[in-house]
Amino acid sequence: MNNLANESLAKIVKSNFRTASVFEKYHLDFCCKGKRSLQQACEETHVPVDEVVAVLEEVIAGGNPVVDFDKYSVSALIDYIVNTHHAYVLNELPQLFAWLQRVASKHGERHPEILKVFSLFHEVKEEMEHHMKKEELVLFPRIKELEALEKEGAHAIGRNLTYITAPISMMEQEHEHAGELMEEIRILTNNYTPPSDACTTYRLSFASLQAFEADLHQHVHLENYLLFPKAVDLMERLKQTVGN
């Protein structure tokens, strides 16, 4: 137990991606706050660490196959992120936005918190749309370019390390803000629990919000703790050691 309790949330998920579902269950942020140890995260959220460890050990011992994203090349990881997570977000945003707009319009007077939820999700939608465009048009092509150079046998490039670290830093800040917005939504909705008088659209909205946040956590984890460190390592291998 002590070994898992002392590991960071990000490292646990990196080692076995199925553990992400456990952290979702206990509302332990393994993406933007993934550098915390499991012990620290449980103490901060008042969750019994021994209970979480027991569930984690059961999941880890399971026989289901695990995708080892750490073995992916940066190009393969980028393609997976774009085709899986970016595609999911782009598909979900307009429908979820429309549902929340309808719910806020019809139920906002009786449930004023839904008005705030709609406002926050509107902000998430605007930010995520711009964020993913910047990744797909700027950062991801730069990372793939570096990988291509390494395959060609390049030993030095005439670019500063900030060519990669600057956009990565911006993306990480935006990840953190999106996570904070979704956390505020989760708190306002009492962990996505619809009120007793909720209509079908109301309930669908909350279920979709919960799924959206879970996907965001996995999405951000893959970028912050796998793709971005791989990209920085790649840049450091290629950059000129003199004059940069």
C-alpha atoms as a PDB file:
ATOM      1  CA  MET A   1       0.000   0.000   0.000  1.00  0.00           C
ATOM      2  CA  ASN A   2       2.734   2.437   0.959  1.00  0.00           C
ATOM      3  CA  ASN A   3       4.325   2.218  -2.482  1.00  0.00           C
ATOM      4  CA  LEU A   4       1.154   3.295  -4.280  1.00  0.00           C
ATOM      5  CA  ALA A   5       0.319   5.907  -1.654  1.00  0.00           C
ATOM      6  CA  ASN A   6       3.689   7.577  -2.198  1.00  0.00           C
ATOM      7  CA  GLU A   7       3.467   7.549  -6.004  1.00  0.00           C
ATOM      8  CA  SER A   8       2.184  10.587  -7.882  1.00  0.00           C
ATOM      9  CA  LEU A   9      -1.281  10.342  -9.422  1.00  0.00           C
ATOM     10  CA  ALA A  10       0.189  11.016 -12.871  1.00  0.00           C
ATOM     11  CA  LYS A  11       2.728   8.206 -12.516  1.00  0.00           C
ATOM     12  CA  ILE A  12       0.074   5.718 -11.417  1.00  0.00           C
ATOM     13  CA  VAL A  13      -2.106   6.524 -14.440  1.00  0.00           C
ATOM     14  CA  LYS A  14       0.926   6.538 -16.728  1.00  0.00           C
ATOM     15  CA  SER A  15       1.790   3.012 -15.555  1.00  0.00           C
ATOM     16  CA  ASN A  16      -1.755   1.712 -15.954  1.00  0.00           C
ATOM     17  CA  PHE A  17      -4.332   3.817 -17.774  1.00  0.00           C
ATOM     18  CA  ARG A  18      -7.241   1.856 -16.257  1.00  0.00           C
ATOM     19  CA  THR A  19      -6.505   3.480 -12.891  1.00  0.00           C
ATOM     20  CA  ALA A  20      -7.897   6.752 -14.268  1.00  0.00           C
ATOM     21  CA  SER A  21     -11.430   5.447 -13.649  1.00  0.00           C
ATOM     22  CA  VAL A  22     -10.608   5.002  -9.952  1.00  0.00           C
ATOM     23  CA  PHE A  23      -9.429   8.584  -9.618  1.00  0.00           C
ATOM     24  CA  GLU A  24     -12.555   9.776 -11.419  1.00  0.00           C
ATOM     25  CA  LYS A  25     -14.683   7.834  -8.934  1.00  0.00           C
ATOM     26  CA  TYR A  26     -13.028   9.554  -5.961  1.00  0.00           C
ATOM     27  CA  HIS A  27     -12.706  12.958  -7.687  1.00  0.00           C
ATOM     28  CA  LEU A  28      -8.900  12.916  -7.488  1.00  0.00           C
ATOM     29  CA  ASP A  29      -7.447  15.187 -10.168  1.00  0.00           C
ATOM     30  CA  PHE A  30      -4.709  13.207 -11.923  1.00  0.00           C
ATOM     31  CA  CYS A  31      -4.174  15.670 -14.789  1.00  0.00           C
ATOM     32  CA  CYS A  32      -3.679  19.296 -13.750  1.00  0.00           C
ATOM     33  CA  LYS A  33      -2.816  18.269 -10.156  1.00  0.00           C
ATOM     34  CA  GLY A  34      -1.214  14.969 -11.069  1.00  0.00           C
ATOM     35  CA  LYS A  35       2.157  15.720  -9.499  1.00  0.00           C
ATOM     36  CA  ARG A  36       0.708  15.223  -6.004  1.00  0.00           C
ATOM     37  CA  SER A  37       1.244  11.887  -4.292  1.00  0.00           C
ATOM     38  CA  LEU A  38      -1.812   9.707  -3.797  1.00  0.00           C
ATOM     39  CA  GLN A  39      -1.423  10.191  -0.041  1.00  0.00           C
ATOM     40  CA  GLN A  40      -1.419  13.982  -0.390  1.00  0.00           C
ATOM     41  CA  ALA A  41      -4.363  14.018  -2.804  1.00  0.00           C
ATOM     42  CA  CYS A  42      -6.441  11.821  -0.497  1.00  0.00           C
ATOM     43  CA  GLU A  43      -5.635  13.978   2.514  1.00  0.00           C
ATOM     44  CA  GLU A  44      -6.619  17.139   0.645  1.00  0.00           C
ATOM     45  CA  THR A  45      -9.967  15.683  -0.453  1.00  0.00           C
ATOM     46  CA  HIS A  46     -10.653  13.782   2.808  1.00  0.00           C
ATOM     47  CA  VAL A  47     -10.732  10.398   1.075  1.00  0.00           C
ATOM     48  CA  PRO A  48      -9.353   7.318   2.915  1.00  0.00           C
ATOM     49  CA  VAL A  49      -6.120   6.436   1.136  1.00  0.00           C
ATOM     50  CA  ASP A  50      -6.247   2.756   2.112  1.00  0.00           C
ATOM     51  CA  GLU A  51      -9.640   2.420   0.434  1.00  0.00           C
ATOM     52  CA  VAL A  52      -8.375   4.015  -2.784  1.00  0.00           C
ATOM     53  CA  VAL A  53      -5.229   1.872  -2.751  1.00  0.00           C
ATOM     54  CA  ALA A  54      -7.329  -1.285  -2.355  1.00  0.00           C
ATOM     55  CA  VAL A  55      -9.455  -0.364  -5.381  1.00  0.00           C
ATOM     56  CA  LEU A  56      -6.354   0.573  -7.391  1.00  0.00           C
ATOM     57  CA  GLU A  57      -4.687  -2.728  -6.611  1.00  0.00           C
ATOM     58  CA  GLU A  58      -7.791  -4.597  -7.734  1.00  0.00           C
ATOM     59  CA  VAL A  59      -7.853  -2.675 -11.020  1.00  0.00           C
ATOM     60  CA  ILE A  60      -4.123  -3.138 -11.598  1.00  0.00           C
ATOM     61  CA  ALA A  61      -4.432  -6.886 -10.945  1.00  0.00           C
ATOM     62  CA  GLY A  62      -7.229  -7.175 -13.508  1.00  0.00           C
ATOM     63  CA  GLY A  63      -6.625  -9.153 -16.668  1.00  0.00           C
ATOM     64  CA  ASN A  64      -7.886  -6.620 -19.187  1.00  0.00           C
ATOM     65  CA  PRO A  65      -5.281  -5.471 -21.728  1.00  0.00           C
ATOM     66  CA  VAL A  66      -3.709  -2.082 -21.082  1.00  0.00           C
ATOM     67  CA  VAL A  67      -2.624   0.356 -23.771  1.00  0.00           C
ATOM     68  CA  ASP A  68       0.915   1.481 -22.965  1.00  0.00           C
ATOM     69  CA  PHE A  69       0.851   5.030 -24.292  1.00  0.00           C
ATOM     70  CA  ASP A  70       4.375   5.597 -23.010  1.00  0.00           C
ATOM     71  CA  LYS A  71       5.633   3.345 -25.802  1.00  0.00           C
ATOM     72  CA  TYR A  72       3.951   5.426 -28.487  1.00  0.00           C
ATOM     73  CA  SER A  73       6.096   7.631 -30.690  1.00  0.00           C
ATOM     74  CA  VAL A  74       5.239  11.340 -30.446  1.00  0.00           C
ATOM     75  CA  SER A  75       3.534  11.212 -33.848  1.00  0.00           C
ATOM     76  CA  ALA A  76       1.451   8.197 -32.872  1.00  0.00           C
ATOM     77  CA  LEU A  77       0.526   9.853 -29.572  1.00  0.00           C
ATOM     78  CA  ILE A  78      -0.473  13.076 -31.340  1.00  0.00           C
ATOM     79  CA  ASP A  79      -2.601  11.174 -33.849  1.00  0.00           C
ATOM     80  CA  TYR A  80      -4.310   9.292 -31.016  1.00  0.00           C
ATOM     81  CA  ILE A  81      -5.018  12.517 -29.095  1.00  0.00           C
ATOM     82  CA  VAL A  82      -6.416  14.279 -32.172  1.00  0.00           C
ATOM     83  CA  ASN A  83      -8.452  11.337 -33.459  1.00  0.00           C
ATOM     84  CA  THR A  84      -9.786  10.319 -30.051  1.00  0.00           C
ATOM     85  CA  HIS A  85      -9.927  13.282 -27.677  1.00  0.00           C
ATOM     86  CA  HIS A  86     -10.040  16.271 -30.015  1.00  0.00           C
ATOM     87  CA  ALA A  87     -12.663  14.496 -32.124  1.00  0.00           C
ATOM     88  CA  TYR A  88     -14.695  13.719 -28.994  1.00  0.00           C
ATOM     89  CA  VAL A  89     -14.580  17.319 -27.785  1.00  0.00           C
ATOM     90  CA  LEU A  90     -15.539  18.747 -31.179  1.00  0.00           C
ATOM     91  CA  ASN A  91     -18.434  16.304 -31.409  1.00  0.00           C
ATOM     92  CA  GLU A  92     -19.712  16.881 -27.869  1.00  0.00           C
ATOM     93  CA  LEU A  93     -19.330  20.656 -27.517  1.00  0.00           C
ATOM     94  CA  PRO A  94     -22.192  21.834 -29.779  1.00  0.00           C
ATOM     95  CA  GLN A  95     -24.718  19.242 -28.531  1.00  0.00           C
ATOM     96  CA  LEU A  96     -23.879  19.743 -24.857  1.00  0.00           C
ATOM     97  CA  PHE A  97     -23.917  23.519 -25.274  1.00  0.00           C
ATOM     98  CA  ALA A  98     -27.366  23.350 -26.903  1.00  0.00           C
ATOM     99  CA  TRP A  99     -28.728  21.114 -24.150  1.00  0.00           C
ATOM    100  CA  LEU A 100     -27.423  23.349 -21.383  1.00  0.00           C
ATOM    101  CA  GLN A 101     -28.770  26.438 -23.130  1.00  0.00           C
ATOM    102  CA  ARG A 102     -32.218  24.841 -23.291  1.00  0.00           C
ATOM    103  CA  VAL A 103     -32.084  23.707 -19.659  1.00  0.00           C
ATOM    104  CA  ALA A 104     -30.907  27.122 -18.463  1.00  0.00           C
ATOM    105  CA  SER A 105     -33.679  28.816 -20.394  1.00  0.00           C
ATOM    106  CA  LYS A 106     -36.450  26.552 -19.107  1.00  0.00           C
ATOM    107  CA  HIS A 107     -35.264  25.787 -15.565  1.00  0.00           C
ATOM    108  CA  GLY A 108     -32.996  28.692 -14.650  1.00  0.00           C
ATOM    109  CA  GLU A 109     -35.659  30.440 -12.581  1.00  0.00           C
ATOM    110  CA  ARG A 110     -36.188  27.393 -10.316  1.00  0.00           C
ATOM    111  CA  HIS A 111     -32.541  26.309 -10.398  1.00  0.00           C
ATOM    112  CA  PRO A 112     -30.382  29.435 -10.733  1.00  0.00           C
ATOM    113  CA  GLU A 113     -27.190  27.373 -10.418  1.00  0.00           C
ATOM    114  CA  ILE A 114     -27.810  26.016 -13.928  1.00  0.00           C
ATOM    115  CA  LEU A 115     -27.415  29.544 -15.294  1.00  0.00           C
ATOM    116  CA  LYS A 116     -23.904  29.660 -13.852  1.00  0.00           C
ATOM    117  CA  VAL A 117     -23.187  26.159 -15.167  1.00  0.00           C
ATOM    118  CA  PHE A 118     -24.216  27.243 -18.658  1.00  0.00           C
ATOM    119  CA  SER A 119     -22.024  30.350 -18.434  1.00  0.00           C
ATOM    120  CA  LEU A 120     -19.025  28.315 -17.294  1.00  0.00           C
ATOM    121  CA  PHE A 121     -19.486  25.711 -19.999  1.00  0.00           C
ATOM    122  CA  HIS A 122     -19.779  28.467 -22.597  1.00  0.00           C
ATOM    123  CA  GLU A 123     -16.332  29.581 -21.452  1.00  0.00           C
ATOM    124  CA  VAL A 124     -15.027  25.999 -21.644  1.00  0.00           C
ATOM    125  CA  LYS A 125     -16.395  25.678 -25.186  1.00  0.00           C
ATOM    126  CA  GLU A 126     -14.772  28.906 -26.397  1.00  0.00           C
ATOM    127  CA  GLU A 127     -11.435  28.082 -24.802  1.00  0.00           C
ATOM    128  CA  MET A 128     -11.283  24.451 -25.929  1.00  0.00           C
ATOM    129  CA  GLU A 129     -12.081  25.314 -29.539  1.00  0.00           C
ATOM    130  CA  HIS A 130      -9.243  27.840 -29.685  1.00  0.00           C
ATOM    131  CA  HIS A 131      -6.921  25.655 -27.627  1.00  0.00           C
ATOM    132  CA  MET A 132      -7.193  22.622 -29.892  1.00  0.00           C
ATOM    133  CA  LYS A 133      -6.676  24.743 -33.009  1.00  0.00           C
ATOM    134  CA  LYS A 134      -3.431  26.093 -31.558  1.00  0.00           C
ATOM    135  CA  GLU A 135      -2.281  22.574 -30.775  1.00  0.00           C
ATOM    136  CA  GLU A 136      -3.157  21.209 -34.203  1.00  0.00           C
ATOM    137  CA  LEU A 137      -1.812  24.188 -36.178  1.00  0.00           C
ATOM    138  CA  VAL A 138       1.261  25.140 -34.137  1.00  0.00           C
ATOM    139  CA  LEU A 139       2.505  22.828 -31.395  1.00  0.00           C
ATOM    140  CA  PHE A 140       1.739  19.393 -32.820  1.00  0.00           C
ATOM    141  CA  PRO A 141       3.309  20.136 -36.244  1.00  0.00           C
ATOM    142  CA  ARG A 142       6.437  21.406 -34.470  1.00  0.00           C
ATOM    143  CA  ILE A 143       6.719  18.193 -32.477  1.00  0.00           C
ATOM    144  CA  LYS A 144       6.228  16.043 -35.578  1.00  0.00           C
ATOM    145  CA  GLU A 145       8.825  18.142 -37.399  1.00  0.00           C
ATOM    146  CA  LEU A 146      11.367  17.390 -34.660  1.00  0.00           C
ATOM    147  CA  GLU A 147      10.635  13.688 -34.846  1.00  0.00           C
ATOM    148  CA  ALA A 148      11.143  13.749 -38.619  1.00  0.00           C
ATOM    149  CA  LEU A 149      14.477  15.531 -38.183  1.00  0.00           C
ATOM    150  CA  GLU A 150      15.655  12.916 -35.702  1.00  0.00           C
ATOM    151  CA  LYS A 151      14.678  10.110 -38.082  1.00  0.00           C
ATOM    152  CA  GLU A 152      16.727  11.837 -40.799  1.00  0.00           C
ATOM    153  CA  GLY A 153      19.733  11.696 -38.491  1.00  0.00           C
ATOM    154  CA  ALA A 154      19.936  15.382 -37.598  1.00  0.00           C
ATOM    155  CA  HIS A 155      22.244  16.051 -34.654  1.00  0.00           C
ATOM    156  CA  ALA A 156      21.601  19.765 -34.181  1.00  0.00           C
ATOM    157  CA  ILE A 157      18.985  22.346 -35.119  1.00  0.00           C
ATOM    158  CA  GLY A 158      19.210  26.098 -35.135  1.00  0.00           C
ATOM    159  CA  ARG A 159      16.259  26.749 -32.849  1.00  0.00           C
ATOM    160  CA  ASN A 160      16.084  27.653 -29.192  1.00  0.00           C
ATOM    161  CA  LEU A 161      14.465  25.258 -26.737  1.00  0.00           C
ATOM    162  CA  THR A 162      11.614  27.769 -26.307  1.00  0.00           C
ATOM    163  CA  TYR A 163      10.470  26.758 -29.808  1.00  0.00           C
ATOM    164  CA  ILE A 164       8.814  23.871 -27.976  1.00  0.00           C
ATOM    165  CA  THR A 165       8.690  24.906 -24.317  1.00  0.00           C
ATOM    166  CA  ALA A 166       6.900  28.238 -24.918  1.00  0.00           C
ATOM    167  CA  PRO A 167       3.790  26.775 -26.599  1.00  0.00           C
ATOM    168  CA  ILE A 168       3.831  23.841 -24.177  1.00  0.00           C
ATOM    169  CA  SER A 169       3.768  26.242 -21.224  1.00  0.00           C
ATOM    170  CA  MET A 170       0.787  28.056 -22.744  1.00  0.00           C
ATOM    171  CA  MET A 171      -1.071  24.798 -23.375  1.00  0.00           C
ATOM    172  CA  GLU A 172      -0.450  23.635 -19.797  1.00  0.00           C
ATOM    173  CA  GLN A 173      -1.839  26.896 -18.416  1.00  0.00           C
ATOM    174  CA  GLU A 174      -4.930  26.527 -20.583  1.00  0.00           C
ATOM    175  CA  HIS A 175      -5.320  22.909 -19.476  1.00  0.00           C
ATOM    176  CA  GLU A 176      -5.293  24.027 -15.868  1.00  0.00           C
ATOM    177  CA  HIS A 177      -7.910  26.705 -16.473  1.00  0.00           C
ATOM    178  CA  ALA A 178     -10.222  24.309 -18.328  1.00  0.00           C
ATOM    179  CA  GLY A 179      -9.849  21.850 -15.451  1.00  0.00           C
ATOM    180  CA  GLU A 180     -10.724  24.553 -12.928  1.00  0.00           C
ATOM    181  CA  LEU A 181     -13.844  25.507 -14.892  1.00  0.00           C
ATOM    182  CA  MET A 182     -15.021  21.897 -15.057  1.00  0.00           C
ATOM    183  CA  GLU A 183     -14.317  21.428 -11.356  1.00  0.00           C
ATOM    184  CA  GLU A 184     -16.476  24.468 -10.590  1.00  0.00           C
ATOM    185  CA  ILE A 185     -19.240  22.976 -12.744  1.00  0.00           C
ATOM    186  CA  ARG A 186     -18.958  19.661 -10.887  1.00  0.00           C
ATOM    187  CA  ILE A 187     -19.282  21.434  -7.526  1.00  0.00           C
ATOM    188  CA  LEU A 188     -22.265  23.509  -8.688  1.00  0.00           C
ATOM    189  CA  THR A 189     -24.032  20.377  -9.926  1.00  0.00           C
ATOM    190  CA  ASN A 190     -23.303  18.357  -6.771  1.00  0.00           C
ATOM    191  CA  ASN A 191     -21.140  15.904  -8.719  1.00  0.00           C
ATOM    192  CA  TYR A 192     -23.535  15.970 -11.678  1.00  0.00           C
ATOM    193  CA  THR A 193     -26.575  14.989  -9.646  1.00  0.00           C
ATOM    194  CA  PRO A 194     -29.747  16.286 -11.366  1.00  0.00           C
ATOM    195  CA  PRO A 195     -32.544  17.705  -9.188  1.00  0.00           C
ATOM    196  CA  SER A 196     -35.595  15.561  -8.544  1.00  0.00           C
ATOM    197  CA  ASP A 197     -37.721  17.577 -10.992  1.00  0.00           C
ATOM    198  CA  ALA A 198     -35.148  17.394 -13.802  1.00  0.00           C
ATOM    199  CA  CYS A 199     -36.438  16.690 -17.292  1.00  0.00           C
ATOM    200  CA  THR A 200     -34.764  14.268 -19.715  1.00  0.00           C
ATOM    201  CA  THR A 201     -32.597  16.958 -21.282  1.00  0.00           C
ATOM    202  CA  TYR A 202     -31.521  18.127 -17.830  1.00  0.00           C
ATOM    203  CA  ARG A 203     -30.412  14.589 -16.943  1.00  0.00           C
ATOM    204  CA  LEU A 204     -28.714  14.044 -20.282  1.00  0.00           C
ATOM    205  CA  SER A 205     -26.812  17.301 -19.825  1.00  0.00           C
ATOM    206  CA  PHE A 206     -25.430  16.278 -16.456  1.00  0.00           C
ATOM    207  CA  ALA A 207     -24.465  12.790 -17.637  1.00  0.00           C
ATOM    208  CA  SER A 208     -22.715  14.318 -20.642  1.00  0.00           C
ATOM    209  CA  LEU A 209     -20.922  16.875 -18.487  1.00  0.00           C
ATOM    210  CA  GLN A 210     -19.597  14.079 -16.281  1.00  0.00           C
ATOM    211  CA  ALA A 211     -18.370  12.133 -19.312  1.00  0.00           C
ATOM    212  CA  PHE A 212     -16.861  15.304 -20.769  1.00  0.00           C
ATOM    213  CA  GLU A 213     -14.856  15.998 -17.609  1.00  0.00           C
ATOM    214  CA  ALA A 214     -13.604  12.390 -17.468  1.00  0.00           C
ATOM    215  CA  ASP A 215     -12.453  12.604 -21.084  1.00  0.00           C
ATOM    216  CA  LEU A 216     -10.774  15.952 -20.409  1.00  0.00           C
ATOM    217  CA  HIS A 217      -8.778  14.441 -17.553  1.00  0.00           C
ATOM    218  CA  GLN A 218      -7.482  11.625 -19.765  1.00  0.00           C
ATOM    219  CA  HIS A 219      -6.833  14.054 -22.607  1.00  0.00           C
ATOM    220  CA  VAL A 220      -4.804  16.429 -20.441  1.00  0.00           C
ATOM    221  CA  HIS A 221      -2.926  13.582 -18.771  1.00  0.00           C
ATOM    222  CA  LEU A 222      -1.722  12.252 -22.124  1.00  0.00           C
ATOM    223  CA  GLU A 223      -0.464  15.677 -23.132  1.00  0.00           C
ATOM    224  CA  ASN A 224       0.983  16.984 -19.852  1.00  0.00           C
ATOM    225  CA  TYR A 225       2.700  13.819 -18.662  1.00  0.00           C
ATOM    226  CA  LEU A 226       3.498  11.871 -21.821  1.00  0.00           C
ATOM    227  CA  LEU A 227       3.502  13.937 -25.011  1.00  0.00           C
ATOM    228  CA  PHE A 228       5.002  17.173 -23.692  1.00  0.00           C
ATOM    229  CA  PRO A 229       7.904  15.558 -21.783  1.00  0.00           C
ATOM    230  CA  LYS A 230       8.671  13.407 -24.846  1.00  0.00           C
ATOM    231  CA  ALA A 231       8.673  16.532 -27.031  1.00  0.00           C
ATOM    232  CA  VAL A 232      11.048  18.406 -24.709  1.00  0.00           C
ATOM    233  CA  ASP A 233      13.401  15.400 -24.590  1.00  0.00           C
ATOM    234  CA  LEU A 234      13.333  15.225 -28.379  1.00  0.00           C
ATOM    235  CA  MET A 235      14.128  18.934 -28.688  1.00  0.00           C
ATOM    236  CA  GLU A 236      17.003  18.660 -26.226  1.00  0.00           C
ATOM    237  CA  ARG A 237      18.503  15.794 -28.205  1.00  0.00           C
ATOM    238  CA  LEU A 238      18.337  17.789 -31.410  1.00  0.00           C
ATOM    239  CA  LYS A 239      19.145  21.334 -30.362  1.00  0.00           C
ATOM    240  CA  GLN A 240      22.624  22.688 -30.802  1.00  0.00           C
ATOM    241  CA  THR A 241      24.638  22.485 -27.591  1.00  0.00           C
ATOM    242  CA  VAL A 242      26.572  25.621 -28.435  1.00  0.00           C
ATOM    243  CA  GLY A 243      25.013  28.976 -29.042  1.00  0.00           C
ATOM    244  CA  ASN A 244      21.479  28.006 -27.944  1.00  0.00           C
END
